[in-house]
PDB file of N, CA and C in Angstrom:
ATOM      1  N   UNK A   1     -37.353  -7.573   3.754  1.00  0.00           N
ATOM      2  CA  UNK A   1     -35.936  -7.730   2.853  1.00  0.00           C
ATOM      3  C   UNK A   1     -35.149  -8.984   3.785  1.00  0.00           C
ATOM      4  N   UNK A   2     -34.953 -10.052   2.879  1.00  0.00           N
ATOM      5  CA  UNK A   2     -34.045 -11.289   3.611  1.00  0.00           C
ATOM      6  C   UNK A   2     -33.345 -10.813   4.622  1.00  0.00           C
ATOM      7  N   UNK A   3     -32.892 -11.711   5.945  1.00  0.00           N
ATOM      8  CA  UNK A   3     -31.847 -11.556   6.678  1.00  0.00           C
ATOM      9  C   UNK A   3     -30.961 -12.488   5.620  1.00  0.00           C
ATOM     10  N   UNK A   4     -29.467 -12.118   5.356  1.00  0.00           N
ATOM     11  CA  UNK A   4     -28.486 -12.921   4.923  1.00  0.00           C
ATOM     12  C   UNK A   4     -27.462 -13.105   6.185  1.00  0.00           C
ATOM     13  N   UNK A   5     -27.473 -14.499   6.593  1.00  0.00           N
ATOM     14  CA  UNK A   5     -26.634 -14.809   7.762  1.00  0.00           C
ATOM     15  C   UNK A   5     -25.181 -14.857   7.190  1.00  0.00           C
ATOM     16  N   UNK A   6     -24.122 -14.791   8.285  1.00  0.00           N
ATOM     17  CA  UNK A   6     -22.947 -14.805   7.784  1.00  0.00           C
ATOM     18  C   UNK A   6     -22.429 -16.000   7.788  1.00  0.00           C
ATOM     19  N   UNK A   7     -21.708 -16.138   6.524  1.00  0.00           N
ATOM     20  CA  UNK A   7     -20.725 -17.771   6.423  1.00  0.00           C
ATOM     21  C   UNK A   7     -19.599 -17.684   6.340  1.00  0.00           C
ATOM     22  N   UNK A   8     -18.740 -18.726   6.833  1.00  0.00           N
ATOM     23  CA  UNK A   8     -17.513 -18.337   6.784  1.00  0.00           C
ATOM     24  C   UNK A   8     -16.738 -18.763   5.236  1.00  0.00           C
ATOM     25  N   UNK A   9     -16.046 -17.550   4.388  1.00  0.00           N
ATOM     26  CA  UNK A   9     -15.424 -17.498   3.372  1.00  0.00           C
ATOM     27  C   UNK A   9     -16.266 -17.083   2.336  1.00  0.00           C
ATOM     28  N   UNK A  10     -17.641 -16.497   2.712  1.00  0.00           N
ATOM     29  CA  UNK A  10     -18.312 -15.938   2.134  1.00  0.00           C
ATOM     30  C   UNK A  10     -17.988 -14.293   1.638  1.00  0.00           C
ATOM     31  N   UNK A  11     -18.318 -13.801   0.574  1.00  0.00           N
ATOM     32  CA  UNK A  11     -17.829 -12.157   0.356  1.00  0.00           C
ATOM     33  C   UNK A  11     -19.568 -11.586   0.560  1.00  0.00           C
ATOM     34  N   UNK A  12     -19.303 -10.169   1.044  1.00  0.00           N
ATOM     35  CA  UNK A  12     -20.538  -9.297   1.145  1.00  0.00           C
ATOM     36  C   UNK A  12     -20.101  -8.069   0.657  1.00  0.00           C
ATOM     37  N   UNK A  13     -21.163  -7.090   0.200  1.00  0.00           N
ATOM     38  CA  UNK A  13     -20.931  -6.040   0.083  1.00  0.00           C
ATOM     39  C   UNK A  13     -21.926  -5.010   0.447  1.00  0.00           C
ATOM     40  N   UNK A  14     -21.362  -3.723   1.469  1.00  0.00           N
ATOM     41  CA  UNK A  14     -22.070  -3.121   2.379  1.00  0.00           C
ATOM     42  C   UNK A  14     -23.024  -1.926   1.442  1.00  0.00           C
ATOM     43  N   UNK A  15     -23.813  -0.970   1.606  1.00  0.00           N
ATOM     44  CA  UNK A  15     -24.102  -0.103   0.407  1.00  0.00           C
ATOM     45  C   UNK A  15     -23.035   0.567  -0.148  1.00  0.00           C
ATOM     46  N   UNK A  16     -22.044   1.052   0.629  1.00  0.00           N
ATOM     47  CA  UNK A  16     -21.252   2.106   0.090  1.00  0.00           C
ATOM     48  C   UNK A  16     -20.377   1.342  -0.945  1.00  0.00           C
ATOM     49  N   UNK A  17     -20.374   0.183  -1.171  1.00  0.00           N
ATOM     50  CA  UNK A  17     -19.347  -0.702  -1.941  1.00  0.00           C
ATOM     51  C   UNK A  17     -18.604  -1.311  -0.955  1.00  0.00           C
ATOM     52  N   UNK A  18     -18.036  -1.280   0.153  1.00  0.00           N
ATOM     53  CA  UNK A  18     -17.238  -1.849   0.696  1.00  0.00           C
ATOM     54  C   UNK A  18     -17.283  -3.530   0.738  1.00  0.00           C
ATOM     55  N   UNK A  19     -16.495  -4.317   0.137  1.00  0.00           N
ATOM     56  CA  UNK A  19     -16.431  -5.393   0.060  1.00  0.00           C
ATOM     57  C   UNK A  19     -15.691  -6.091   1.190  1.00  0.00           C
ATOM     58  N   UNK A  20     -16.199  -7.464   1.948  1.00  0.00           N
ATOM     59  CA  UNK A  20     -15.671  -7.875   3.002  1.00  0.00           C
ATOM     60  C   UNK A  20     -15.994  -9.578   2.705  1.00  0.00           C
ATOM     61  N   UNK A  21     -14.794 -10.313   3.493  1.00  0.00           N
ATOM     62  CA  UNK A  21     -15.038 -11.806   3.611  1.00  0.00           C
ATOM     63  C   UNK A  21     -15.549 -11.961   5.176  1.00  0.00           C
ATOM     64  N   UNK A  22     -16.093 -12.788   5.035  1.00  0.00           N
ATOM     65  CA  UNK A  22     -16.332 -13.395   6.775  1.00  0.00           C
ATOM     66  C   UNK A  22     -15.560 -14.509   7.092  1.00  0.00           C
ATOM     67  N   UNK A  23     -14.425 -13.991   8.060  1.00  0.00           N
ATOM     68  CA  UNK A  23     -13.042 -15.310   8.219  1.00  0.00           C
ATOM     69  C   UNK A  23     -13.354 -16.122   9.647  1.00  0.00           C
ATOM     70  N   UNK A  24     -14.509 -15.512  10.464  1.00  0.00           N
ATOM     71  CA  UNK A  24     -14.898 -16.671  11.511  1.00  0.00           C
ATOM     72  C   UNK A  24     -16.024 -15.561  12.260  1.00  0.00           C
ATOM     73  N   UNK A  25     -16.986 -16.819  12.722  1.00  0.00           N
ATOM     74  CA  UNK A  25     -18.200 -16.546  13.216  1.00  0.00           C
ATOM     75  C   UNK A  25     -17.963 -17.396  14.784  1.00  0.00           C
ATOM     76  N   UNK A  26     -18.158 -16.580  15.795  1.00  0.00           N
ATOM     77  CA  UNK A  26     -18.185 -17.607  17.026  1.00  0.00           C
ATOM     78  C   UNK A  26     -19.269 -16.971  17.742  1.00  0.00           C
ATOM     79  N   UNK A  27     -20.228 -18.141  18.073  1.00  0.00           N
ATOM     80  CA  UNK A  27     -21.608 -18.205  18.214  1.00  0.00           C
ATOM     81  C   UNK A  27     -21.580 -17.844  19.753  1.00  0.00           C
ATOM     82  N   UNK A  28     -20.354 -18.449  20.381  1.00  0.00           N
ATOM     83  CA  UNK A  28     -20.362 -18.621  22.010  1.00  0.00           C
ATOM     84  C   UNK A  28     -19.779 -17.427  22.492  1.00  0.00           C
ATOM     85  N   UNK A  29     -19.162 -16.564  21.799  1.00  0.00           N
ATOM     86  CA  UNK A  29     -18.936 -14.985  22.116  1.00  0.00           C
ATOM     87  C   UNK A  29     -19.210 -13.887  21.477  1.00  0.00           C
ATOM     88  N   UNK A  30     -20.450 -14.457  20.553  1.00  0.00           N
ATOM     89  CA  UNK A  30     -21.337 -13.565  19.345  1.00  0.00           C
ATOM     90  C   UNK A  30     -20.704 -12.405  18.976  1.00  0.00           C
ATOM     91  N   UNK A  31     -19.720 -13.242  17.981  1.00  0.00           N
ATOM     92  CA  UNK A  31     -18.949 -12.112  17.341  1.00  0.00           C
ATOM     93  C   UNK A  31     -18.829 -12.952  15.916  1.00  0.00           C
ATOM     94  N   UNK A  32     -18.590 -11.814  15.185  1.00  0.00           N
ATOM     95  CA  UNK A  32     -18.682 -12.120  13.292  1.00  0.00           C
ATOM     96  C   UNK A  32     -17.492 -11.773  13.257  1.00  0.00           C
ATOM     97  N   UNK A  33     -16.091 -12.233  12.760  1.00  0.00           N
ATOM     98  CA  UNK A  33     -15.094 -11.265  12.277  1.00  0.00           C
ATOM     99  C   UNK A  33     -14.808 -11.060  10.676  1.00  0.00           C
ATOM    100  N   UNK A  34     -14.790 -10.018  10.212  1.00  0.00           N
ATOM    101  CA  UNK A  34     -14.790  -9.888   9.201  1.00  0.00           C
ATOM    102  C   UNK A  34     -13.462  -9.402   8.616  1.00  0.00           C
ATOM    103  N   UNK A  35     -12.842  -9.581   7.394  1.00  0.00           N
ATOM    104  CA  UNK A  35     -11.814  -9.080   6.891  1.00  0.00           C
ATOM    105  C   UNK A  35     -12.278  -8.160   5.569  1.00  0.00           C
ATOM    106  N   UNK A  36     -11.860  -6.833   5.536  1.00  0.00           N
ATOM    107  CA  UNK A  36     -11.776  -5.955   4.470  1.00  0.00           C
ATOM    108  C   UNK A  36     -10.927  -6.195   3.510  1.00  0.00           C
ATOM    109  N   UNK A  37     -10.996  -6.104   2.016  1.00  0.00           N
ATOM    110  CA  UNK A  37     -10.255  -6.510   0.954  1.00  0.00           C
ATOM    111  C   UNK A  37      -8.625  -5.810   1.020  1.00  0.00           C
ATOM    112  N   UNK A  38      -8.392  -4.574   1.667  1.00  0.00           N
ATOM    113  CA  UNK A  38      -7.397  -4.223   2.018  1.00  0.00           C
ATOM    114  C   UNK A  38      -6.760  -4.903   3.430  1.00  0.00           C
ATOM    115  N   UNK A  39      -7.116  -5.597   3.988  1.00  0.00           N
ATOM    116  CA  UNK A  39      -6.493  -6.965   4.777  1.00  0.00           C
ATOM    117  C   UNK A  39      -7.005  -6.532   6.102  1.00  0.00           C
ATOM    118  N   UNK A  40      -7.717  -5.048   6.405  1.00  0.00           N
ATOM    119  CA  UNK A  40      -8.270  -4.718   7.909  1.00  0.00           C
ATOM    120  C   UNK A  40      -9.551  -5.860   8.216  1.00  0.00           C
ATOM    121  N   UNK A  41      -9.181  -6.121   9.591  1.00  0.00           N
ATOM    122  CA  UNK A  41     -10.104  -7.296  10.034  1.00  0.00           C
ATOM    123  C   UNK A  41     -10.831  -6.482  10.991  1.00  0.00           C
ATOM    124  N   UNK A  42     -12.039  -6.648  11.191  1.00  0.00           N
ATOM    125  CA  UNK A  42     -13.218  -6.307  12.030  1.00  0.00           C
ATOM    126  C   UNK A  42     -13.909  -6.882  12.826  1.00  0.00           C
ATOM    127  N   UNK A  43     -14.525  -6.925  13.924  1.00  0.00           N
ATOM    128  CA  UNK A  43     -15.314  -7.620  14.434  1.00  0.00           C
ATOM    129  C   UNK A  43     -16.509  -7.057  14.993  1.00  0.00           C
ATOM    130  N   UNK A  44     -17.941  -7.780  14.463  1.00  0.00           N
ATOM    131  CA  UNK A  44     -19.147  -7.147  14.549  1.00  0.00           C
ATOM    132  C   UNK A  44     -20.135  -8.205  15.591  1.00  0.00           C
ATOM    133  N   UNK A  45     -20.556  -7.397  16.355  1.00  0.00           N
ATOM    134  CA  UNK A  45     -21.760  -8.313  16.999  1.00  0.00           C
ATOM    135  C   UNK A  45     -22.636  -8.966  16.422  1.00  0.00           C
ATOM    136  N   UNK A  46     -22.617 -10.298  16.965  1.00  0.00           N
ATOM    137  CA  UNK A  46     -23.901 -11.170  15.806  1.00  0.00           C
ATOM    138  C   UNK A  46     -25.179 -10.963  16.305  1.00  0.00           C
ATOM    139  N   UNK A  47     -25.134 -10.443  17.039  1.00  0.00           N
ATOM    140  CA  UNK A  47     -26.974  -9.631  17.177  1.00  0.00           C
ATOM    141  C   UNK A  47     -26.997  -8.471  16.349  1.00  0.00           C
ATOM    142  N   UNK A  48     -26.193  -7.771  16.036  1.00  0.00           N
ATOM    143  CA  UNK A  48     -26.045  -6.343  15.141  1.00  0.00           C
ATOM    144  C   UNK A  48     -26.354  -7.031  13.534  1.00  0.00           C
ATOM    145  N   UNK A  49     -25.644  -8.236  13.234  1.00  0.00           N
ATOM    146  CA  UNK A  49     -25.425  -8.485  11.482  1.00  0.00           C
ATOM    147  C   UNK A  49     -26.914  -8.047  11.081  1.00  0.00           C
ATOM    148  N   UNK A  50     -27.644  -8.554  11.535  1.00  0.00           N
ATOM    149  CA  UNK A  50     -29.313  -8.311  10.961  1.00  0.00           C
ATOM    150  C   UNK A  50     -29.517  -6.922  10.400  1.00  0.00           C
ATOM    151  N   UNK A  51     -29.038  -6.393  11.213  1.00  0.00           N
ATOM    152  CA  UNK A  51     -29.489  -4.419  11.241  1.00  0.00           C
ATOM    153  C   UNK A  51     -28.625  -4.080  10.233  1.00  0.00           C
ATOM    154  N   UNK A  52     -27.310  -4.906   9.582  1.00  0.00           N
ATOM    155  CA  UNK A  52     -26.732  -4.441   8.568  1.00  0.00           C
ATOM    156  C   UNK A  52     -26.884  -4.549   7.606  1.00  0.00           C
ATOM    157  N   UNK A  53     -26.762  -3.382   6.703  1.00  0.00           N
ATOM    158  CA  UNK A  53     -27.511  -3.615   5.008  1.00  0.00           C
ATOM    159  C   UNK A  53     -26.591  -4.171   4.596  1.00  0.00           C
ATOM    160  N   UNK A  54     -26.749  -5.330   3.859  1.00  0.00           N
ATOM    161  CA  UNK A  54     -25.847  -6.032   3.147  1.00  0.00           C
ATOM    162  C   UNK A  54     -26.402  -7.411   1.904  1.00  0.00           C
ATOM    163  N   UNK A  55     -25.410  -7.073   0.882  1.00  0.00           N
ATOM    164  CA  UNK A  55     -26.099  -7.917  -0.347  1.00  0.00           C
ATOM    165  C   UNK A  55     -24.624  -9.068  -0.353  1.00  0.00           C
ATOM    166  N   UNK A  56     -25.091 -10.043  -0.529  1.00  0.00           N
ATOM    167  CA  UNK A  56     -24.000 -11.417  -1.058  1.00  0.00           C
ATOM    168  C   UNK A  56     -23.206 -10.301  -2.281  1.00  0.00           C
ATOM    169  N   UNK A  57     -22.112 -10.799  -2.259  1.00  0.00           N
ATOM    170  CA  UNK A  57     -21.076 -10.445  -3.569  1.00  0.00           C
ATOM    171  C   UNK A  57     -20.129 -11.834  -3.940  1.00  0.00           C
ATOM    172  N   UNK A  58     -19.760 -11.942  -4.950  1.00  0.00           N
ATOM    173  CA  UNK A  58     -18.863 -12.526  -5.673  1.00  0.00           C
ATOM    174  C   UNK A  58     -17.185 -12.306  -5.051  1.00  0.00           C
ATOM    175  N   UNK A  59     -16.431 -13.137  -4.826  1.00  0.00           N
ATOM    176  CA  UNK A  59     -15.128 -12.949  -4.117  1.00  0.00           C
ATOM    177  C   UNK A  59     -14.722 -12.082  -5.460  1.00  0.00           C
ATOM    178  N   UNK A  60     -13.690 -11.139  -5.212  1.00  0.00           N
ATOM    179  CA  UNK A  60     -12.814 -10.212  -6.301  1.00  0.00           C
ATOM    180  C   UNK A  60     -11.976 -11.481  -7.066  1.00  0.00           C
ATOM    181  N   UNK A  61     -11.785 -10.756  -8.344  1.00  0.00           N
ATOM    182  CA  UNK A  61     -11.279 -11.406  -8.713  1.00  0.00           C
ATOM    183  C   UNK A  61      -9.431 -11.688  -8.381  1.00  0.00           C
ATOM    184  N   UNK A  62      -8.961 -10.496  -7.742  1.00  0.00           N
ATOM    185  CA  UNK A  62      -7.400 -10.874  -7.475  1.00  0.00           C
ATOM    186  C   UNK A  62      -7.959 -10.611  -5.751  1.00  0.00           C
ATOM    187  N   UNK A  63      -8.175 -11.806  -5.383  1.00  0.00           N
ATOM    188  CA  UNK A  63      -8.232 -11.842  -3.946  1.00  0.00           C
ATOM    189  C   UNK A  63      -7.112 -11.959  -3.159  1.00  0.00           C
ATOM    190  N   UNK A  64      -6.111 -11.520  -3.848  1.00  0.00           N
ATOM    191  CA  UNK A  64      -4.503 -11.336  -2.825  1.00  0.00           C
ATOM    192  C   UNK A  64      -4.522 -10.164  -2.050  1.00  0.00           C
ATOM    193  N   UNK A  65      -5.234  -9.179  -2.447  1.00  0.00           N
ATOM    194  CA  UNK A  65      -5.271  -8.194  -1.844  1.00  0.00           C
ATOM    195  C   UNK A  65      -5.797  -7.940  -0.400  1.00  0.00           C
ATOM    196  N   UNK A  66      -6.474  -8.986   0.007  1.00  0.00           N
ATOM    197  CA  UNK A  66      -7.048  -9.057   1.445  1.00  0.00           C
ATOM    198  C   UNK A  66      -5.904  -9.843   2.403  1.00  0.00           C
ATOM    199  N   UNK A  67      -5.047 -10.638   1.866  1.00  0.00           N
ATOM    200  CA  UNK A  67      -3.927 -11.146   2.304  1.00  0.00           C
ATOM    201  C   UNK A  67      -2.572 -10.762   2.304  1.00  0.00           C
ATOM    202  N   UNK A  68      -2.357  -9.771   1.266  1.00  0.00           N
ATOM    203  CA  UNK A  68      -1.333  -9.167   1.044  1.00  0.00           C
ATOM    204  C   UNK A  68      -0.518 -10.238   0.246  1.00  0.00           C
ATOM    205  N   UNK A  69      -0.475 -10.796  -0.170  1.00  0.00           N
ATOM    206  CA  UNK A  69       0.216 -11.767  -1.059  1.00  0.00           C
ATOM    207  C   UNK A  69       0.048 -11.518  -2.629  1.00  0.00           C
ATOM    208  N   UNK A  70       1.203 -11.502  -2.972  1.00  0.00           N
ATOM    209  CA  UNK A  70       1.762 -11.195  -4.610  1.00  0.00           C
ATOM    210  C   UNK A  70       1.657 -12.928  -5.125  1.00  0.00           C
ATOM    211  N   UNK A  71       0.762 -12.923  -6.230  1.00  0.00           N
ATOM    212  CA  UNK A  71       1.102 -14.463  -7.106  1.00  0.00           C
ATOM    213  C   UNK A  71       2.365 -14.831  -7.236  1.00  0.00           C
ATOM    214  N   UNK A  72       3.462 -13.903  -7.446  1.00  0.00           N
ATOM    215  CA  UNK A  72       4.958 -14.189  -7.351  1.00  0.00           C
ATOM    216  C   UNK A  72       5.487 -14.630  -6.067  1.00  0.00           C
ATOM    217  N   UNK A  73       5.452 -14.372  -5.018  1.00  0.00           N
ATOM    218  CA  UNK A  73       5.188 -14.608  -3.774  1.00  0.00           C
ATOM    219  C   UNK A  73       4.731 -16.136  -3.218  1.00  0.00           C
ATOM    220  N   UNK A  74       3.663 -16.264  -3.936  1.00  0.00           N
ATOM    221  CA  UNK A  74       3.029 -17.529  -3.838  1.00  0.00           C
ATOM    222  C   UNK A  74       3.846 -18.355  -4.226  1.00  0.00           C
ATOM    223  N   UNK A  75       4.088 -18.328  -5.717  1.00  0.00           N
ATOM    224  CA  UNK A  75       4.556 -19.155  -6.370  1.00  0.00           C
ATOM    225  C   UNK A  75       6.300 -19.544  -6.016  1.00  0.00           C
ATOM    226  N   UNK A  76       7.198 -18.326  -5.484  1.00  0.00           N
ATOM    227  CA  UNK A  76       8.289 -18.179  -4.973  1.00  0.00           C
ATOM    228  C   UNK A  76       8.544 -19.477  -3.562  1.00  0.00           C
ATOM    229  N   UNK A  77       7.544 -19.366  -3.266  1.00  0.00           N
ATOM    230  CA  UNK A  77       7.482 -20.242  -1.627  1.00  0.00           C
ATOM    231  C   UNK A  77       7.174 -21.423  -2.062  1.00  0.00           C
ATOM    232  N   UNK A  78       6.084 -21.756  -3.451  1.00  0.00           N
ATOM    233  CA  UNK A  78       5.412 -23.149  -3.140  1.00  0.00           C
ATOM    234  C   UNK A  78       6.703 -23.819  -3.888  1.00  0.00           C
ATOM    235  N   UNK A  79       7.624 -23.252  -5.305  1.00  0.00           N
ATOM    236  CA  UNK A  79       8.090 -23.894  -5.982  1.00  0.00           C
ATOM    237  C   UNK A  79       9.999 -23.702  -5.680  1.00  0.00           C
ATOM    238  N   UNK A  80      10.233 -22.830  -4.791  1.00  0.00           N
ATOM    239  CA  UNK A  80      11.587 -22.366  -4.248  1.00  0.00           C
ATOM    240  C   UNK A  80      12.260 -21.055  -4.887  1.00  0.00           C
ATOM    241  N   UNK A  81      11.440 -20.861  -6.399  1.00  0.00           N
ATOM    242  CA  UNK A  81      12.049 -19.723  -6.973  1.00  0.00           C
ATOM    243  C   UNK A  81      11.128 -18.836  -7.741  1.00  0.00           C
ATOM    244  N   UNK A  82       9.571 -19.314  -7.609  1.00  0.00           N
ATOM    245  CA  UNK A  82       8.626 -18.421  -8.154  1.00  0.00           C
ATOM    246  C   UNK A  82       8.365 -18.819  -9.358  1.00  0.00           C
ATOM    247  N   UNK A  83       8.996 -19.818 -10.325  1.00  0.00           N
ATOM    248  CA  UNK A  83       9.008 -20.110 -11.534  1.00  0.00           C
ATOM    249  C   UNK A  83       7.638 -20.711 -11.586  1.00  0.00           C
ATOM    250  N   UNK A  84       6.834 -20.428 -12.862  1.00  0.00           N
ATOM    251  CA  UNK A  84       5.411 -21.216 -12.912  1.00  0.00           C
ATOM    252  C   UNK A  84       6.196 -22.523 -13.751  1.00  0.00           C
ATOM    253  N   UNK A  85       7.148 -22.741 -14.153  1.00  0.00           N
ATOM    254  CA  UNK A  85       7.563 -23.821 -15.107  1.00  0.00           C
ATOM    255  C   UNK A  85       8.364 -24.748 -14.021  1.00  0.00           C
ATOM    256  N   UNK A  86       8.748 -24.483 -12.878  1.00  0.00           N
ATOM    257  CA  UNK A  86       9.001 -25.632 -12.172  1.00  0.00           C
ATOM    258  C   UNK A  86       8.034 -26.456 -11.547  1.00  0.00           C
ATOM    259  N   UNK A  87       6.763 -26.281 -11.860  1.00  0.00           N
ATOM    260  CA  UNK A  87       5.524 -27.062 -11.380  1.00  0.00           C
ATOM    261  C   UNK A  87       5.522 -28.273 -12.597  1.00  0.00           C
ATOM    262  N   UNK A  88       5.918 -27.815 -13.888  1.00  0.00           N
ATOM    263  CA  UNK A  88       5.543 -28.874 -14.818  1.00  0.00           C
ATOM    264  C   UNK A  88       7.270 -30.271 -14.372  1.00  0.00           C
ATOM    265  N   UNK A  89       8.378 -29.554 -14.145  1.00  0.00           N
ATOM    266  CA  UNK A  89       9.327 -30.359 -13.950  1.00  0.00           C
ATOM    267  C   UNK A  89       8.926 -31.421 -12.477  1.00  0.00           C
ATOM    268  N   UNK A  90       8.671 -30.757 -11.646  1.00  0.00           N
ATOM    269  CA  UNK A  90       8.169 -31.648 -10.501  1.00  0.00           C
ATOM    270  C   UNK A  90       7.497 -32.587 -10.591  1.00  0.00           C
ATOM    271  N   UNK A  91       6.272 -32.568 -11.742  1.00  0.00           N
ATOM    272  CA  UNK A  91       5.609 -33.535 -12.145  1.00  0.00           C
ATOM    273  C   UNK A  91       6.138 -34.518 -12.759  1.00  0.00           C
ATOM    274  N   UNK A  92       7.300 -34.193 -13.546  1.00  0.00           N
ATOM    275  CA  UNK A  92       7.956 -35.497 -14.089  1.00  0.00           C
ATOM    276  C   UNK A  92       8.619 -36.964 -13.010  1.00  0.00           C
ATOM    277  N   UNK A  93       8.593 -36.248 -11.766  1.00  0.00           N
ATOM    278  CA  UNK A  93       9.382 -37.157 -10.890  1.00  0.00           C
ATOM    279  C   UNK A  93       7.937 -38.302 -10.296  1.00  0.00           C
ATOM    280  N   UNK A  94       6.639 -38.120 -10.817  1.00  0.00           N
ATOM    281  CA  UNK A  94       5.706 -38.595 -10.415  1.00  0.00           C
ATOM    282  C   UNK A  94       5.762 -40.133 -10.998  1.00  0.00           C
ATOM    283  N   UNK A  95       5.425 -40.979 -10.622  1.00  0.00           N
ATOM    284  CA  UNK A  95       5.615 -42.568 -11.196  1.00  0.00           C
ATOM    285  C   UNK A  95       4.007 -42.833 -11.492  1.00  0.00           C
ATOM    286  N   UNK A  96       3.587 -42.469 -12.613  1.00  0.00           N
ATOM    287  CA  UNK A  96       2.247 -42.445 -12.925  1.00  0.00           C
ATOM    288  C   UNK A  96       1.717 -43.893 -13.905  1.00  0.00           C
ATOM    289  N   UNK A  97       3.062 -44.997 -13.604  1.00  0.00           N
ATOM    290  CA  UNK A  97       2.991 -46.275 -14.207  1.00  0.00           C
ATOM    291  C   UNK A  97       2.380 -47.693 -12.903  1.00  0.00           C
ATOM    292  N   UNK A  98       1.938 -46.942 -12.057  1.00  0.00           N
ATOM    293  CA  UNK A  98       1.650 -47.978 -10.726  1.00  0.00           C
ATOM    294  C   UNK A  98       0.652 -48.916 -11.222  1.00  0.00           C
ATOM    295  N   UNK A  99       0.712 -50.108 -10.671  1.00  0.00           N
ATOM    296  CA  UNK A  99      -0.431 -50.992 -10.946  1.00  0.00           C
ATOM    297  C   UNK A  99      -1.574 -50.915  -9.931  1.00  0.00           C
TER     298      UNK A  99
END
C-alpha cells in the first residue's frame, strides 16, 4: 500500500469512516494538525502518519460543519444583512466602462 503524505487542505478518511482535513504540517515540530468534520482538532506525530490507514477523500459537500459556520451567517457578515440579493446591488456600483 502506498503512503499518502499529509497535504494541507486535503481531506482523508480513516477505515472507520472518520473524515478529516489536514490544517497544518509542522516539519520542525514533527506534527500534523487535523480537523475532523465536527470541528475537533487533533495533533498527530508526523513520524506515525505513514502507519495510519488512510484513503484520500473528497471534501464534504457541506464543508461548514468543520468550521461551525452557517451559510446565512457567512452572507450576513459579508453583506450586512444576510441577503443573497445584496451582492447584485453591490455590483451595480462598479464602473465597467473604464478605458
